[in-house]
């Protein structure tokens, strides 16, 4: 499919809402799939550090 202008590209032949929302949802899911393990690792390391401090105080 070729477009005559950038605005035609953005309109995607009257399918812009579907196309751009699909891209947005896909990028959101990918970002979540990257962020969640990083956040989980950080939380795990903080909990382990807390546990080790507690155990060393006993």
N, C-alpha and C. Protein backbone atom coordinates (compact mmCIF):
# COMPACT_ATOMS: atom_id res chain seq x y z
N UNK A 1 0.84 -1.16 0.00
CA UNK A 1 0.00 0.00 0.00
C UNK A 1 0.90 1.23 0.00
N UNK A 2 0.66 2.16 -0.88
CA UNK A 2 1.45 3.39 -0.90
C UNK A 2 0.55 4.57 -0.53
N UNK A 3 1.16 5.55 0.05
CA UNK A 3 0.43 6.72 0.51
C UNK A 3 0.95 7.94 -0.24
N UNK A 4 0.06 8.86 -0.56
CA UNK A 4 0.45 10.05 -1.30
C UNK A 4 0.98 11.14 -0.39
N UNK A 5 0.65 11.08 0.90
CA UNK A 5 1.14 12.09 1.84
C UNK A 5 1.25 11.47 3.23
N UNK A 6 1.89 12.22 4.10
CA UNK A 6 2.05 11.75 5.47
C UNK A 6 0.70 11.68 6.18
N UNK A 7 -0.20 12.61 5.88
CA UNK A 7 -1.52 12.56 6.52
C UNK A 7 -2.31 11.35 6.04
N UNK A 8 -2.11 10.93 4.78
CA UNK A 8 -2.74 9.69 4.31
C UNK A 8 -2.17 8.48 5.05
N UNK A 9 -0.87 8.54 5.30
CA UNK A 9 -0.24 7.47 6.06
C UNK A 9 -0.83 7.39 7.46
N UNK A 10 -0.98 8.54 8.12
CA UNK A 10 -1.55 8.55 9.47
C UNK A 10 -3.00 8.10 9.48
N UNK A 11 -3.75 8.39 8.41
CA UNK A 11 -5.15 8.00 8.33
C UNK A 11 -5.30 6.51 8.02
N UNK A 12 -4.28 5.91 7.45
CA UNK A 12 -4.26 4.48 7.13
C UNK A 12 -5.51 4.03 6.37
N UNK A 13 -5.92 4.81 5.40
CA UNK A 13 -7.06 4.42 4.58
C UNK A 13 -8.32 4.21 5.40
N UNK A 14 -8.62 5.13 6.29
CA UNK A 14 -9.80 5.09 7.17
C UNK A 14 -9.73 4.01 8.25
N UNK A 15 -8.59 3.39 8.43
CA UNK A 15 -8.44 2.36 9.46
C UNK A 15 -7.48 2.81 10.55
N UNK A 16 -7.27 4.10 10.69
CA UNK A 16 -6.28 4.63 11.61
C UNK A 16 -6.56 4.24 13.06
N UNK A 17 -7.80 4.31 13.48
CA UNK A 17 -8.11 3.99 14.87
C UNK A 17 -7.71 2.56 15.20
N UNK A 18 -8.03 1.62 14.34
CA UNK A 18 -7.67 0.22 14.57
C UNK A 18 -6.16 0.02 14.53
N UNK A 19 -5.54 0.57 13.48
CA UNK A 19 -4.09 0.35 13.29
C UNK A 19 -3.29 0.96 14.43
N UNK A 20 -3.54 2.21 14.75
CA UNK A 20 -2.72 2.88 15.77
C UNK A 20 -3.04 2.36 17.17
N UNK A 21 -4.28 1.97 17.42
CA UNK A 21 -4.56 1.39 18.73
C UNK A 21 -3.89 0.03 18.87
N UNK A 22 -3.84 -0.74 17.79
CA UNK A 22 -3.15 -2.03 17.83
C UNK A 22 -1.65 -1.84 18.10
N UNK A 23 -1.05 -0.84 17.44
CA UNK A 23 0.36 -0.54 17.73
C UNK A 23 0.53 -0.09 19.17
N UNK A 24 -0.35 0.75 19.65
CA UNK A 24 -0.24 1.24 21.02
C UNK A 24 -0.37 0.13 22.05
N UNK A 25 -1.34 -0.75 21.85
CA UNK A 25 -1.53 -1.86 22.78
C UNK A 25 -0.33 -2.79 22.74
N UNK A 26 0.18 -3.06 21.55
CA UNK A 26 1.35 -3.94 21.42
C UNK A 26 2.56 -3.36 22.13
N UNK A 27 2.82 -2.09 21.93
CA UNK A 27 3.96 -1.46 22.59
C UNK A 27 3.78 -1.41 24.10
N UNK A 28 2.55 -1.21 24.56
CA UNK A 28 2.29 -1.22 25.99
C UNK A 28 2.57 -2.59 26.60
N UNK A 29 2.11 -3.64 25.93
CA UNK A 29 2.35 -5.00 26.42
C UNK A 29 3.84 -5.31 26.43
N UNK A 30 4.56 -4.91 25.39
CA UNK A 30 6.00 -5.13 25.35
C UNK A 30 6.70 -4.38 26.48
N UNK A 31 6.30 -3.16 26.73
CA UNK A 31 6.91 -2.38 27.82
C UNK A 31 6.64 -3.04 29.17
N UNK A 32 5.43 -3.53 29.37
CA UNK A 32 5.11 -4.22 30.62
C UNK A 32 5.94 -5.50 30.76
N UNK A 33 6.11 -6.23 29.65
CA UNK A 33 6.90 -7.46 29.69
C UNK A 33 8.37 -7.19 29.99
N UNK A 34 8.85 -6.02 29.69
CA UNK A 34 10.22 -5.66 30.03
C UNK A 34 10.30 -5.15 31.46
N UNK A 35 9.34 -4.32 31.86
CA UNK A 35 9.40 -3.66 33.15
C UNK A 35 9.12 -4.59 34.33
N UNK A 36 8.18 -5.51 34.19
CA UNK A 36 7.78 -6.34 35.32
C UNK A 36 8.92 -7.19 35.89
N UNK A 37 9.71 -7.88 35.08
CA UNK A 37 10.82 -8.65 35.67
C UNK A 37 11.87 -7.74 36.35
N UNK A 38 12.08 -6.56 35.80
CA UNK A 38 13.04 -5.63 36.41
C UNK A 38 12.53 -5.19 37.78
N UNK A 39 11.25 -4.84 37.85
CA UNK A 39 10.67 -4.43 39.13
C UNK A 39 10.62 -5.58 40.12
N UNK A 40 10.31 -6.77 39.65
CA UNK A 40 10.25 -7.94 40.53
C UNK A 40 11.64 -8.25 41.09
N UNK A 41 12.66 -8.12 40.27
CA UNK A 41 14.04 -8.38 40.74
C UNK A 41 14.45 -7.35 41.78
N UNK A 42 14.12 -6.10 41.53
CA UNK A 42 14.45 -5.04 42.48
C UNK A 42 13.75 -5.28 43.82
N UNK A 43 12.47 -5.66 43.76
CA UNK A 43 11.70 -5.93 44.98
C UNK A 43 12.30 -7.13 45.72
N UNK A 44 12.67 -8.17 44.98
CA UNK A 44 13.27 -9.36 45.59
C UNK A 44 14.59 -9.01 46.30
N UNK A 45 15.43 -8.23 45.63
CA UNK A 45 16.71 -7.86 46.23
C UNK A 45 16.52 -7.00 47.47
N UNK A 46 15.54 -6.11 47.46
CA UNK A 46 15.26 -5.29 48.64
C UNK A 46 14.77 -6.16 49.79
N UNK A 47 13.90 -7.12 49.50
CA UNK A 47 13.39 -8.00 50.55
C UNK A 47 14.50 -8.87 51.12
N UNK A 48 15.38 -9.35 50.26
CA UNK A 48 16.50 -10.17 50.74
C UNK A 48 17.45 -9.35 51.60
N UNK A 49 17.71 -8.12 51.20
CA UNK A 49 18.58 -7.25 52.01
C UNK A 49 17.95 -6.99 53.37
N UNK A 50 16.64 -6.75 53.39
CA UNK A 50 15.93 -6.56 54.66
C UNK A 50 16.02 -7.80 55.53
N UNK A 51 15.84 -8.97 54.92
CA UNK A 51 15.89 -10.23 55.66
C UNK A 51 17.29 -10.46 56.23
N UNK A 52 18.32 -10.18 55.43
CA UNK A 52 19.69 -10.36 55.92
C UNK A 52 20.01 -9.40 57.06
N UNK A 53 19.53 -8.17 56.98
CA UNK A 53 19.75 -7.22 58.09
C UNK A 53 19.06 -7.70 59.36
N UNK A 54 17.84 -8.21 59.22
CA UNK A 54 17.11 -8.74 60.38
C UNK A 54 17.85 -9.91 61.01
N UNK A 55 18.33 -10.81 60.15
CA UNK A 55 19.02 -11.99 60.68
C UNK A 55 20.34 -11.62 61.32
N UNK A 56 21.01 -10.61 60.82
CA UNK A 56 22.31 -10.24 61.41
C UNK A 56 22.12 -9.50 62.73
N UNK A 57 20.97 -8.95 63.00
CA UNK A 57 20.70 -8.26 64.26
C UNK A 57 20.37 -9.23 65.39
N UNK A 58 20.01 -10.44 65.07
CA UNK A 58 19.63 -11.41 66.11
C UNK A 58 20.82 -11.99 66.80
